[in-house]
Amino acid sequence: ERLSYTYGDRPVEVRRGWYVTTDF
C-alpha cells in the first residue's frame, strides 16, 4: 500500500498493489 506525495507534501495517490513474488 503506497501513499504518494507531490510538492508541499500533499498526498495525491493511494495505490494498493498485489504482487506475485514467485521467482521475483
PDBML (XML) file of the C-alpha atoms, coordinates in Angstrom:
<?xml version="1.0" encoding="UTF-8" ?>
<PDBx:datablock datablockName="MODEL"
   xmlns:PDBx="http://pdbml.pdb.org/schema/pdbx-v50.xsd"
   xmlns:xsi="http://www.w3.org/2001/XMLSchema-instance"
   xsi:schemaLocation="http://pdbml.pdb.org/schema/pdbx-v50.xsd pdbx-v50.xsd">
   <PDBx:atom_siteCategory>
      <PDBx:atom_site id="1">
         <PDBx:B_iso_or_equiv>0.00</PDBx:B_iso_or_equiv>
         <PDBx:Cartn_x>0.000</PDBx:Cartn_x>
         <PDBx:Cartn_y>0.000</PDBx:Cartn_y>
         <PDBx:Cartn_z>0.000</PDBx:Cartn_z>
         <PDBx:auth_asym_id>A</PDBx:auth_asym_id>
         <PDBx:auth_atom_id>CA</PDBx:auth_atom_id>
         <PDBx:auth_comp_id>GLU</PDBx:auth_comp_id>
         <PDBx:auth_seq_id>1</PDBx:auth_seq_id>
         <PDBx:group_PDB>ATOM</PDBx:group_PDB>
         <PDBx:label_alt_id xsi:nil="true" />
         <PDBx:label_asym_id>A</PDBx:label_asym_id>
         <PDBx:label_atom_id>CA</PDBx:label_atom_id>
         <PDBx:label_comp_id>GLU</PDBx:label_comp_id>
         <PDBx:label_entity_id>1</PDBx:label_entity_id>
         <PDBx:label_seq_id>1</PDBx:label_seq_id>
         <PDBx:occupancy>1.00</PDBx:occupancy>
         <PDBx:pdbx_PDB_model_num>1</PDBx:pdbx_PDB_model_num>
         <PDBx:type_symbol>C</PDBx:type_symbol>
      </PDBx:atom_site>
      <PDBx:atom_site id="2">
         <PDBx:B_iso_or_equiv>0.00</PDBx:B_iso_or_equiv>
         <PDBx:Cartn_x>1.554</PDBx:Cartn_x>
         <PDBx:Cartn_y>3.238</PDBx:Cartn_y>
         <PDBx:Cartn_z>-1.208</PDBx:Cartn_z>
         <PDBx:auth_asym_id>A</PDBx:auth_asym_id>
         <PDBx:auth_atom_id>CA</PDBx:auth_atom_id>
         <PDBx:auth_comp_id>ARG</PDBx:auth_comp_id>
         <PDBx:auth_seq_id>2</PDBx:auth_seq_id>
         <PDBx:group_PDB>ATOM</PDBx:group_PDB>
         <PDBx:label_alt_id xsi:nil="true" />
         <PDBx:label_asym_id>A</PDBx:label_asym_id>
         <PDBx:label_atom_id>CA</PDBx:label_atom_id>
         <PDBx:label_comp_id>ARG</PDBx:label_comp_id>
         <PDBx:label_entity_id>1</PDBx:label_entity_id>
         <PDBx:label_seq_id>2</PDBx:label_seq_id>
         <PDBx:occupancy>1.00</PDBx:occupancy>
         <PDBx:pdbx_PDB_model_num>1</PDBx:pdbx_PDB_model_num>
         <PDBx:type_symbol>C</PDBx:type_symbol>
      </PDBx:atom_site>
      <PDBx:atom_site id="3">
         <PDBx:B_iso_or_equiv>0.00</PDBx:B_iso_or_equiv>
         <PDBx:Cartn_x>0.724</PDBx:Cartn_x>
         <PDBx:Cartn_y>6.848</PDBx:Cartn_y>
         <PDBx:Cartn_z>-0.423</PDBx:Cartn_z>
         <PDBx:auth_asym_id>A</PDBx:auth_asym_id>
         <PDBx:auth_atom_id>CA</PDBx:auth_atom_id>
         <PDBx:auth_comp_id>LEU</PDBx:auth_comp_id>
         <PDBx:auth_seq_id>3</PDBx:auth_seq_id>
         <PDBx:group_PDB>ATOM</PDBx:group_PDB>
         <PDBx:label_alt_id xsi:nil="true" />
         <PDBx:label_asym_id>A</PDBx:label_asym_id>
         <PDBx:label_atom_id>CA</PDBx:label_atom_id>
         <PDBx:label_comp_id>LEU</PDBx:label_comp_id>
         <PDBx:label_entity_id>1</PDBx:label_entity_id>
         <PDBx:label_seq_id>3</PDBx:label_seq_id>
         <PDBx:occupancy>1.00</PDBx:occupancy>
         <PDBx:pdbx_PDB_model_num>1</PDBx:pdbx_PDB_model_num>
         <PDBx:type_symbol>C</PDBx:type_symbol>
      </PDBx:atom_site>
      <PDBx:atom_site id="4">
         <PDBx:B_iso_or_equiv>0.00</PDBx:B_iso_or_equiv>
         <PDBx:Cartn_x>2.389</PDBx:Cartn_x>
         <PDBx:Cartn_y>9.158</PDBx:Cartn_y>
         <PDBx:Cartn_z>-2.955</PDBx:Cartn_z>
         <PDBx:auth_asym_id>A</PDBx:auth_asym_id>
         <PDBx:auth_atom_id>CA</PDBx:auth_atom_id>
         <PDBx:auth_comp_id>SER</PDBx:auth_comp_id>
         <PDBx:auth_seq_id>4</PDBx:auth_seq_id>
         <PDBx:group_PDB>ATOM</PDBx:group_PDB>
         <PDBx:label_alt_id xsi:nil="true" />
         <PDBx:label_asym_id>A</PDBx:label_asym_id>
         <PDBx:label_atom_id>CA</PDBx:label_atom_id>
         <PDBx:label_comp_id>SER</PDBx:label_comp_id>
         <PDBx:label_entity_id>1</PDBx:label_entity_id>
         <PDBx:label_seq_id>4</PDBx:label_seq_id>
         <PDBx:occupancy>1.00</PDBx:occupancy>
         <PDBx:pdbx_PDB_model_num>1</PDBx:pdbx_PDB_model_num>
         <PDBx:type_symbol>C</PDBx:type_symbol>
      </PDBx:atom_site>
      <PDBx:atom_site id="5">
         <PDBx:B_iso_or_equiv>0.00</PDBx:B_iso_or_equiv>
         <PDBx:Cartn_x>3.043</PDBx:Cartn_x>
         <PDBx:Cartn_y>12.860</PDBx:Cartn_y>
         <PDBx:Cartn_z>-2.472</PDBx:Cartn_z>
         <PDBx:auth_asym_id>A</PDBx:auth_asym_id>
         <PDBx:auth_atom_id>CA</PDBx:auth_atom_id>
         <PDBx:auth_comp_id>TYR</PDBx:auth_comp_id>
         <PDBx:auth_seq_id>5</PDBx:auth_seq_id>
         <PDBx:group_PDB>ATOM</PDBx:group_PDB>
         <PDBx:label_alt_id xsi:nil="true" />
         <PDBx:label_asym_id>A</PDBx:label_asym_id>
         <PDBx:label_atom_id>CA</PDBx:label_atom_id>
         <PDBx:label_comp_id>TYR</PDBx:label_comp_id>
         <PDBx:label_entity_id>1</PDBx:label_entity_id>
         <PDBx:label_seq_id>5</PDBx:label_seq_id>
         <PDBx:occupancy>1.00</PDBx:occupancy>
         <PDBx:pdbx_PDB_model_num>1</PDBx:pdbx_PDB_model_num>
         <PDBx:type_symbol>C</PDBx:type_symbol>
      </PDBx:atom_site>
      <PDBx:atom_site id="6">
         <PDBx:B_iso_or_equiv>0.00</PDBx:B_iso_or_equiv>
         <PDBx:Cartn_x>3.670</PDBx:Cartn_x>
         <PDBx:Cartn_y>15.831</PDBx:Cartn_y>
         <PDBx:Cartn_z>-4.727</PDBx:Cartn_z>
         <PDBx:auth_asym_id>A</PDBx:auth_asym_id>
         <PDBx:auth_atom_id>CA</PDBx:auth_atom_id>
         <PDBx:auth_comp_id>THR</PDBx:auth_comp_id>
         <PDBx:auth_seq_id>6</PDBx:auth_seq_id>
         <PDBx:group_PDB>ATOM</PDBx:group_PDB>
         <PDBx:label_alt_id xsi:nil="true" />
         <PDBx:label_asym_id>A</PDBx:label_asym_id>
         <PDBx:label_atom_id>CA</PDBx:label_atom_id>
         <PDBx:label_comp_id>THR</PDBx:label_comp_id>
         <PDBx:label_entity_id>1</PDBx:label_entity_id>
         <PDBx:label_seq_id>6</PDBx:label_seq_id>
         <PDBx:occupancy>1.00</PDBx:occupancy>
         <PDBx:pdbx_PDB_model_num>1</PDBx:pdbx_PDB_model_num>
         <PDBx:type_symbol>C</PDBx:type_symbol>
      </PDBx:atom_site>
      <PDBx:atom_site id="7">
         <PDBx:B_iso_or_equiv>0.00</PDBx:B_iso_or_equiv>
         <PDBx:Cartn_x>5.279</PDBx:Cartn_x>
         <PDBx:Cartn_y>19.165</PDBx:Cartn_y>
         <PDBx:Cartn_z>-3.827</PDBx:Cartn_z>
         <PDBx:auth_asym_id>A</PDBx:auth_asym_id>
         <PDBx:auth_atom_id>CA</PDBx:auth_atom_id>
         <PDBx:auth_comp_id>TYR</PDBx:auth_comp_id>
         <PDBx:auth_seq_id>7</PDBx:auth_seq_id>
         <PDBx:group_PDB>ATOM</PDBx:group_PDB>
         <PDBx:label_alt_id xsi:nil="true" />
         <PDBx:label_asym_id>A</PDBx:label_asym_id>
         <PDBx:label_atom_id>CA</PDBx:label_atom_id>
         <PDBx:label_comp_id>TYR</PDBx:label_comp_id>
         <PDBx:label_entity_id>1</PDBx:label_entity_id>
         <PDBx:label_seq_id>7</PDBx:label_seq_id>
         <PDBx:occupancy>1.00</PDBx:occupancy>
         <PDBx:pdbx_PDB_model_num>1</PDBx:pdbx_PDB_model_num>
         <PDBx:type_symbol>C</PDBx:type_symbol>
      </PDBx:atom_site>
      <PDBx:atom_site id="8">
         <PDBx:B_iso_or_equiv>0.00</PDBx:B_iso_or_equiv>
         <PDBx:Cartn_x>4.383</PDBx:Cartn_x>
         <PDBx:Cartn_y>20.581</PDBx:Cartn_y>
         <PDBx:Cartn_z>-0.434</PDBx:Cartn_z>
         <PDBx:auth_asym_id>A</PDBx:auth_asym_id>
         <PDBx:auth_atom_id>CA</PDBx:auth_atom_id>
         <PDBx:auth_comp_id>GLY</PDBx:auth_comp_id>
         <PDBx:auth_seq_id>8</PDBx:auth_seq_id>
         <PDBx:group_PDB>ATOM</PDBx:group_PDB>
         <PDBx:label_alt_id xsi:nil="true" />
         <PDBx:label_asym_id>A</PDBx:label_asym_id>
         <PDBx:label_atom_id>CA</PDBx:label_atom_id>
         <PDBx:label_comp_id>GLY</PDBx:label_comp_id>
         <PDBx:label_entity_id>1</PDBx:label_entity_id>
         <PDBx:label_seq_id>8</PDBx:label_seq_id>
         <PDBx:occupancy>1.00</PDBx:occupancy>
         <PDBx:pdbx_PDB_model_num>1</PDBx:pdbx_PDB_model_num>
         <PDBx:type_symbol>C</PDBx:type_symbol>
      </PDBx:atom_site>
      <PDBx:atom_site id="9">
         <PDBx:B_iso_or_equiv>0.00</PDBx:B_iso_or_equiv>
         <PDBx:Cartn_x>3.952</PDBx:Cartn_x>
         <PDBx:Cartn_y>17.046</PDBx:Cartn_y>
         <PDBx:Cartn_z>0.938</PDBx:Cartn_z>
         <PDBx:auth_asym_id>A</PDBx:auth_asym_id>
         <PDBx:auth_atom_id>CA</PDBx:auth_atom_id>
         <PDBx:auth_comp_id>ASP</PDBx:auth_comp_id>
         <PDBx:auth_seq_id>9</PDBx:auth_seq_id>
         <PDBx:group_PDB>ATOM</PDBx:group_PDB>
         <PDBx:label_alt_id xsi:nil="true" />
         <PDBx:label_asym_id>A</PDBx:label_asym_id>
         <PDBx:label_atom_id>CA</PDBx:label_atom_id>
         <PDBx:label_comp_id>ASP</PDBx:label_comp_id>
         <PDBx:label_entity_id>1</PDBx:label_entity_id>
         <PDBx:label_seq_id>9</PDBx:label_seq_id>
         <PDBx:occupancy>1.00</PDBx:occupancy>
         <PDBx:pdbx_PDB_model_num>1</PDBx:pdbx_PDB_model_num>
         <PDBx:type_symbol>C</PDBx:type_symbol>
      </PDBx:atom_site>
      <PDBx:atom_site id="10">
         <PDBx:B_iso_or_equiv>0.00</PDBx:B_iso_or_equiv>
         <PDBx:Cartn_x>0.438</PDBx:Cartn_x>
         <PDBx:Cartn_y>16.896</PDBx:Cartn_y>
         <PDBx:Cartn_z>-0.492</PDBx:Cartn_z>
         <PDBx:auth_asym_id>A</PDBx:auth_asym_id>
         <PDBx:auth_atom_id>CA</PDBx:auth_atom_id>
         <PDBx:auth_comp_id>ARG</PDBx:auth_comp_id>
         <PDBx:auth_seq_id>10</PDBx:auth_seq_id>
         <PDBx:group_PDB>ATOM</PDBx:group_PDB>
         <PDBx:label_alt_id xsi:nil="true" />
         <PDBx:label_asym_id>A</PDBx:label_asym_id>
         <PDBx:label_atom_id>CA</PDBx:label_atom_id>
         <PDBx:label_comp_id>ARG</PDBx:label_comp_id>
         <PDBx:label_entity_id>1</PDBx:label_entity_id>
         <PDBx:label_seq_id>10</PDBx:label_seq_id>
         <PDBx:occupancy>1.00</PDBx:occupancy>
         <PDBx:pdbx_PDB_model_num>1</PDBx:pdbx_PDB_model_num>
         <PDBx:type_symbol>C</PDBx:type_symbol>
      </PDBx:atom_site>
      <PDBx:atom_site id="11">
         <PDBx:B_iso_or_equiv>0.00</PDBx:B_iso_or_equiv>
         <PDBx:Cartn_x>-0.902</PDBx:Cartn_x>
         <PDBx:Cartn_y>13.330</PDBx:Cartn_y>
         <PDBx:Cartn_z>-0.824</PDBx:Cartn_z>
         <PDBx:auth_asym_id>A</PDBx:auth_asym_id>
         <PDBx:auth_atom_id>CA</PDBx:auth_atom_id>
         <PDBx:auth_comp_id>PRO</PDBx:auth_comp_id>
         <PDBx:auth_seq_id>11</PDBx:auth_seq_id>
         <PDBx:group_PDB>ATOM</PDBx:group_PDB>
         <PDBx:label_alt_id xsi:nil="true" />
         <PDBx:label_asym_id>A</PDBx:label_asym_id>
         <PDBx:label_atom_id>CA</PDBx:label_atom_id>
         <PDBx:label_comp_id>PRO</PDBx:label_comp_id>
         <PDBx:label_entity_id>1</PDBx:label_entity_id>
         <PDBx:label_seq_id>11</PDBx:label_seq_id>
         <PDBx:occupancy>1.00</PDBx:occupancy>
         <PDBx:pdbx_PDB_model_num>1</PDBx:pdbx_PDB_model_num>
         <PDBx:type_symbol>C</PDBx:type_symbol>
      </PDBx:atom_site>
      <PDBx:atom_site id="12">
         <PDBx:B_iso_or_equiv>0.00</PDBx:B_iso_or_equiv>
         <PDBx:Cartn_x>-2.172</PDBx:Cartn_x>
         <PDBx:Cartn_y>12.729</PDBx:Cartn_y>
         <PDBx:Cartn_z>-4.368</PDBx:Cartn_z>
         <PDBx:auth_asym_id>A</PDBx:auth_asym_id>
         <PDBx:auth_atom_id>CA</PDBx:auth_atom_id>
         <PDBx:auth_comp_id>VAL</PDBx:auth_comp_id>
         <PDBx:auth_seq_id>12</PDBx:auth_seq_id>
         <PDBx:group_PDB>ATOM</PDBx:group_PDB>
         <PDBx:label_alt_id xsi:nil="true" />
         <PDBx:label_asym_id>A</PDBx:label_asym_id>
         <PDBx:label_atom_id>CA</PDBx:label_atom_id>
         <PDBx:label_comp_id>VAL</PDBx:label_comp_id>
         <PDBx:label_entity_id>1</PDBx:label_entity_id>
         <PDBx:label_seq_id>12</PDBx:label_seq_id>
         <PDBx:occupancy>1.00</PDBx:occupancy>
         <PDBx:pdbx_PDB_model_num>1</PDBx:pdbx_PDB_model_num>
         <PDBx:type_symbol>C</PDBx:type_symbol>
      </PDBx:atom_site>
      <PDBx:atom_site id="13">
         <PDBx:B_iso_or_equiv>0.00</PDBx:B_iso_or_equiv>
         <PDBx:Cartn_x>-2.324</PDBx:Cartn_x>
         <PDBx:Cartn_y>8.954</PDBx:Cartn_y>
         <PDBx:Cartn_z>-4.814</PDBx:Cartn_z>
         <PDBx:auth_asym_id>A</PDBx:auth_asym_id>
         <PDBx:auth_atom_id>CA</PDBx:auth_atom_id>
         <PDBx:auth_comp_id>GLU</PDBx:auth_comp_id>
         <PDBx:auth_seq_id>13</PDBx:auth_seq_id>
         <PDBx:group_PDB>ATOM</PDBx:group_PDB>
         <PDBx:label_alt_id xsi:nil="true" />
         <PDBx:label_asym_id>A</PDBx:label_asym_id>
         <PDBx:label_atom_id>CA</PDBx:label_atom_id>
         <PDBx:label_comp_id>GLU</PDBx:label_comp_id>
         <PDBx:label_entity_id>1</PDBx:label_entity_id>
         <PDBx:label_seq_id>13</PDBx:label_seq_id>
         <PDBx:occupancy>1.00</PDBx:occupancy>
         <PDBx:pdbx_PDB_model_num>1</PDBx:pdbx_PDB_model_num>
         <PDBx:type_symbol>C</PDBx:type_symbol>
      </PDBx:atom_site>
      <PDBx:atom_site id="14">
         <PDBx:B_iso_or_equiv>0.00</PDBx:B_iso_or_equiv>
         <PDBx:Cartn_x>-3.353</PDBx:Cartn_x>
         <PDBx:Cartn_y>5.905</PDBx:Cartn_y>
         <PDBx:Cartn_z>-2.829</PDBx:Cartn_z>
         <PDBx:auth_asym_id>A</PDBx:auth_asym_id>
         <PDBx:auth_atom_id>CA</PDBx:auth_atom_id>
         <PDBx:auth_comp_id>VAL</PDBx:auth_comp_id>
         <PDBx:auth_seq_id>14</PDBx:auth_seq_id>
         <PDBx:group_PDB>ATOM</PDBx:group_PDB>
         <PDBx:label_alt_id xsi:nil="true" />
         <PDBx:label_asym_id>A</PDBx:label_asym_id>
         <PDBx:label_atom_id>CA</PDBx:label_atom_id>
         <PDBx:label_comp_id>VAL</PDBx:label_comp_id>
         <PDBx:label_entity_id>1</PDBx:label_entity_id>
         <PDBx:label_seq_id>14</PDBx:label_seq_id>
         <PDBx:occupancy>1.00</PDBx:occupancy>
         <PDBx:pdbx_PDB_model_num>1</PDBx:pdbx_PDB_model_num>
         <PDBx:type_symbol>C</PDBx:type_symbol>
      </PDBx:atom_site>
      <PDBx:atom_site id="15">
         <PDBx:B_iso_or_equiv>0.00</PDBx:B_iso_or_equiv>
         <PDBx:Cartn_x>-2.141</PDBx:Cartn_x>
         <PDBx:Cartn_y>2.730</PDBx:Cartn_y>
         <PDBx:Cartn_z>-4.523</PDBx:Cartn_z>
         <PDBx:auth_asym_id>A</PDBx:auth_asym_id>
         <PDBx:auth_atom_id>CA</PDBx:auth_atom_id>
         <PDBx:auth_comp_id>ARG</PDBx:auth_comp_id>
         <PDBx:auth_seq_id>15</PDBx:auth_seq_id>
         <PDBx:group_PDB>ATOM</PDBx:group_PDB>
         <PDBx:label_alt_id xsi:nil="true" />
         <PDBx:label_asym_id>A</PDBx:label_asym_id>
         <PDBx:label_atom_id>CA</PDBx:label_atom_id>
         <PDBx:label_comp_id>ARG</PDBx:label_comp_id>
         <PDBx:label_entity_id>1</PDBx:label_entity_id>
         <PDBx:label_seq_id>15</PDBx:label_seq_id>
         <PDBx:occupancy>1.00</PDBx:occupancy>
         <PDBx:pdbx_PDB_model_num>1</PDBx:pdbx_PDB_model_num>
         <PDBx:type_symbol>C</PDBx:type_symbol>
      </PDBx:atom_site>
      <PDBx:atom_site id="16">
         <PDBx:B_iso_or_equiv>0.00</PDBx:B_iso_or_equiv>
         <PDBx:Cartn_x>-2.857</PDBx:Cartn_x>
         <PDBx:Cartn_y>-0.800</PDBx:Cartn_y>
         <PDBx:Cartn_z>-3.364</PDBx:Cartn_z>
         <PDBx:auth_asym_id>A</PDBx:auth_asym_id>
         <PDBx:auth_atom_id>CA</PDBx:auth_atom_id>
         <PDBx:auth_comp_id>ARG</PDBx:auth_comp_id>
         <PDBx:auth_seq_id>16</PDBx:auth_seq_id>
         <PDBx:group_PDB>ATOM</PDBx:group_PDB>
         <PDBx:label_alt_id xsi:nil="true" />
         <PDBx:label_asym_id>A</PDBx:label_asym_id>
         <PDBx:label_atom_id>CA</PDBx:label_atom_id>
         <PDBx:label_comp_id>ARG</PDBx:label_comp_id>
         <PDBx:label_entity_id>1</PDBx:label_entity_id>
         <PDBx:label_seq_id>16</PDBx:label_seq_id>
         <PDBx:occupancy>1.00</PDBx:occupancy>
         <PDBx:pdbx_PDB_model_num>1</PDBx:pdbx_PDB_model_num>
         <PDBx:type_symbol>C</PDBx:type_symbol>
      </PDBx:atom_site>
      <PDBx:atom_site id="17">
         <PDBx:B_iso_or_equiv>0.00</PDBx:B_iso_or_equiv>
         <PDBx:Cartn_x>-0.878</PDBx:Cartn_x>
         <PDBx:Cartn_y>-3.442</PDBx:Cartn_y>
         <PDBx:Cartn_z>-5.212</PDBx:Cartn_z>
         <PDBx:auth_asym_id>A</PDBx:auth_asym_id>
         <PDBx:auth_atom_id>CA</PDBx:auth_atom_id>
         <PDBx:auth_comp_id>GLY</PDBx:auth_comp_id>
         <PDBx:auth_seq_id>17</PDBx:auth_seq_id>
         <PDBx:group_PDB>ATOM</PDBx:group_PDB>
         <PDBx:label_alt_id xsi:nil="true" />
         <PDBx:label_asym_id>A</PDBx:label_asym_id>
         <PDBx:label_atom_id>CA</PDBx:label_atom_id>
         <PDBx:label_comp_id>GLY</PDBx:label_comp_id>
         <PDBx:label_entity_id>1</PDBx:label_entity_id>
         <PDBx:label_seq_id>17</PDBx:label_seq_id>
         <PDBx:occupancy>1.00</PDBx:occupancy>
         <PDBx:pdbx_PDB_model_num>1</PDBx:pdbx_PDB_model_num>
         <PDBx:type_symbol>C</PDBx:type_symbol>
      </PDBx:atom_site>
      <PDBx:atom_site id="18">
         <PDBx:B_iso_or_equiv>0.00</PDBx:B_iso_or_equiv>
         <PDBx:Cartn_x>-0.947</PDBx:Cartn_x>
         <PDBx:Cartn_y>-7.242</PDBx:Cartn_y>
         <PDBx:Cartn_z>-5.020</PDBx:Cartn_z>
         <PDBx:auth_asym_id>A</PDBx:auth_asym_id>
         <PDBx:auth_atom_id>CA</PDBx:auth_atom_id>
         <PDBx:auth_comp_id>TRP</PDBx:auth_comp_id>
         <PDBx:auth_seq_id>18</PDBx:auth_seq_id>
         <PDBx:group_PDB>ATOM</PDBx:group_PDB>
         <PDBx:label_alt_id xsi:nil="true" />
         <PDBx:label_asym_id>A</PDBx:label_asym_id>
         <PDBx:label_atom_id>CA</PDBx:label_atom_id>
         <PDBx:label_comp_id>TRP</PDBx:label_comp_id>
         <PDBx:label_entity_id>1</PDBx:label_entity_id>
         <PDBx:label_seq_id>18</PDBx:label_seq_id>
         <PDBx:occupancy>1.00</PDBx:occupancy>
         <PDBx:pdbx_PDB_model_num>1</PDBx:pdbx_PDB_model_num>
         <PDBx:type_symbol>C</PDBx:type_symbol>
      </PDBx:atom_site>
      <PDBx:atom_site id="19">
         <PDBx:B_iso_or_equiv>0.00</PDBx:B_iso_or_equiv>
         <PDBx:Cartn_x>2.331</PDBx:Cartn_x>
         <PDBx:Cartn_y>-8.837</PDBx:Cartn_y>
         <PDBx:Cartn_z>-6.197</PDBx:Cartn_z>
         <PDBx:auth_asym_id>A</PDBx:auth_asym_id>
         <PDBx:auth_atom_id>CA</PDBx:auth_atom_id>
         <PDBx:auth_comp_id>TYR</PDBx:auth_comp_id>
         <PDBx:auth_seq_id>19</PDBx:auth_seq_id>
         <PDBx:group_PDB>ATOM</PDBx:group_PDB>
         <PDBx:label_alt_id xsi:nil="true" />
         <PDBx:label_asym_id>A</PDBx:label_asym_id>
         <PDBx:label_atom_id>CA</PDBx:label_atom_id>
         <PDBx:label_comp_id>TYR</PDBx:label_comp_id>
         <PDBx:label_entity_id>1</PDBx:label_entity_id>
         <PDBx:label_seq_id>19</PDBx:label_seq_id>
         <PDBx:occupancy>1.00</PDBx:occupancy>
         <PDBx:pdbx_PDB_model_num>1</PDBx:pdbx_PDB_model_num>
         <PDBx:type_symbol>C</PDBx:type_symbol>
      </PDBx:atom_site>
      <PDBx:atom_site id="20">
         <PDBx:B_iso_or_equiv>0.00</PDBx:B_iso_or_equiv>
         <PDBx:Cartn_x>3.171</PDBx:Cartn_x>
         <PDBx:Cartn_y>-12.383</PDBx:Cartn_y>
         <PDBx:Cartn_z>-7.255</PDBx:Cartn_z>
         <PDBx:auth_asym_id>A</PDBx:auth_asym_id>
         <PDBx:auth_atom_id>CA</PDBx:auth_atom_id>
         <PDBx:auth_comp_id>VAL</PDBx:auth_comp_id>
         <PDBx:auth_seq_id>20</PDBx:auth_seq_id>
         <PDBx:group_PDB>ATOM</PDBx:group_PDB>
         <PDBx:label_alt_id xsi:nil="true" />
         <PDBx:label_asym_id>A</PDBx:label_asym_id>
         <PDBx:label_atom_id>CA</PDBx:label_atom_id>
         <PDBx:label_comp_id>VAL</PDBx:label_comp_id>
         <PDBx:label_entity_id>1</PDBx:label_entity_id>
         <PDBx:label_seq_id>20</PDBx:label_seq_id>
         <PDBx:occupancy>1.00</PDBx:occupancy>
         <PDBx:pdbx_PDB_model_num>1</PDBx:pdbx_PDB_model_num>
         <PDBx:type_symbol>C</PDBx:type_symbol>
      </PDBx:atom_site>
      <PDBx:atom_site id="21">
         <PDBx:B_iso_or_equiv>0.00</PDBx:B_iso_or_equiv>
         <PDBx:Cartn_x>6.705</PDBx:Cartn_x>
         <PDBx:Cartn_y>-12.979</PDBx:Cartn_y>
         <PDBx:Cartn_z>-5.959</PDBx:Cartn_z>
         <PDBx:auth_asym_id>A</PDBx:auth_asym_id>
         <PDBx:auth_atom_id>CA</PDBx:auth_atom_id>
         <PDBx:auth_comp_id>THR</PDBx:auth_comp_id>
         <PDBx:auth_seq_id>21</PDBx:auth_seq_id>
         <PDBx:group_PDB>ATOM</PDBx:group_PDB>
         <PDBx:label_alt_id xsi:nil="true" />
         <PDBx:label_asym_id>A</PDBx:label_asym_id>
         <PDBx:label_atom_id>CA</PDBx:label_atom_id>
         <PDBx:label_comp_id>THR</PDBx:label_comp_id>
         <PDBx:label_entity_id>1</PDBx:label_entity_id>
         <PDBx:label_seq_id>21</PDBx:label_seq_id>
         <PDBx:occupancy>1.00</PDBx:occupancy>
         <PDBx:pdbx_PDB_model_num>1</PDBx:pdbx_PDB_model_num>
         <PDBx:type_symbol>C</PDBx:type_symbol>
      </PDBx:atom_site>
      <PDBx:atom_site id="22">
         <PDBx:B_iso_or_equiv>0.00</PDBx:B_iso_or_equiv>
         <PDBx:Cartn_x>7.391</PDBx:Cartn_x>
         <PDBx:Cartn_y>-16.494</PDBx:Cartn_y>
         <PDBx:Cartn_z>-7.261</PDBx:Cartn_z>
         <PDBx:auth_asym_id>A</PDBx:auth_asym_id>
         <PDBx:auth_atom_id>CA</PDBx:auth_atom_id>
         <PDBx:auth_comp_id>THR</PDBx:auth_comp_id>
         <PDBx:auth_seq_id>22</PDBx:auth_seq_id>
         <PDBx:group_PDB>ATOM</PDBx:group_PDB>
         <PDBx:label_alt_id xsi:nil="true" />
         <PDBx:label_asym_id>A</PDBx:label_asym_id>
         <PDBx:label_atom_id>CA</PDBx:label_atom_id>
         <PDBx:label_comp_id>THR</PDBx:label_comp_id>
         <PDBx:label_entity_id>1</PDBx:label_entity_id>
         <PDBx:label_seq_id>22</PDBx:label_seq_id>
         <PDBx:occupancy>1.00</PDBx:occupancy>
         <PDBx:pdbx_PDB_model_num>1</PDBx:pdbx_PDB_model_num>
         <PDBx:type_symbol>C</PDBx:type_symbol>
      </PDBx:atom_site>
      <PDBx:atom_site id="23">
         <PDBx:B_iso_or_equiv>0.00</PDBx:B_iso_or_equiv>
         <PDBx:Cartn_x>10.782</PDBx:Cartn_x>
         <PDBx:Cartn_y>-16.042</PDBx:Cartn_y>
         <PDBx:Cartn_z>-8.976</PDBx:Cartn_z>
         <PDBx:auth_asym_id>A</PDBx:auth_asym_id>
         <PDBx:auth_atom_id>CA</PDBx:auth_atom_id>
         <PDBx:auth_comp_id>ASP</PDBx:auth_comp_id>
         <PDBx:auth_seq_id>23</PDBx:auth_seq_id>
         <PDBx:group_PDB>ATOM</PDBx:group_PDB>
         <PDBx:label_alt_id xsi:nil="true" />
         <PDBx:label_asym_id>A</PDBx:label_asym_id>
         <PDBx:label_atom_id>CA</PDBx:label_atom_id>
         <PDBx:label_comp_id>ASP</PDBx:label_comp_id>
         <PDBx:label_entity_id>1</PDBx:label_entity_id>
         <PDBx:label_seq_id>23</PDBx:label_seq_id>
         <PDBx:occupancy>1.00</PDBx:occupancy>
         <PDBx:pdbx_PDB_model_num>1</PDBx:pdbx_PDB_model_num>
         <PDBx:type_symbol>C</PDBx:type_symbol>
      </PDBx:atom_site>
      <PDBx:atom_site id="24">
         <PDBx:B_iso_or_equiv>0.00</PDBx:B_iso_or_equiv>
         <PDBx:Cartn_x>10.590</PDBx:Cartn_x>
         <PDBx:Cartn_y>-12.321</PDBx:Cartn_y>
         <PDBx:Cartn_z>-8.164</PDBx:Cartn_z>
         <PDBx:auth_asym_id>A</PDBx:auth_asym_id>
         <PDBx:auth_atom_id>CA</PDBx:auth_atom_id>
         <PDBx:auth_comp_id>PHE</PDBx:auth_comp_id>
         <PDBx:auth_seq_id>24</PDBx:auth_seq_id>
         <PDBx:group_PDB>ATOM</PDBx:group_PDB>
         <PDBx:label_alt_id xsi:nil="true" />
         <PDBx:label_asym_id>A</PDBx:label_asym_id>
         <PDBx:label_atom_id>CA</PDBx:label_atom_id>
         <PDBx:label_comp_id>PHE</PDBx:label_comp_id>
         <PDBx:label_entity_id>1</PDBx:label_entity_id>
         <PDBx:label_seq_id>24</PDBx:label_seq_id>
         <PDBx:occupancy>1.00</PDBx:occupancy>
         <PDBx:pdbx_PDB_model_num>1</PDBx:pdbx_PDB_model_num>
         <PDBx:type_symbol>C</PDBx:type_symbol>
      </PDBx:atom_site>
   </PDBx:atom_siteCategory>
</PDBx:datablock>
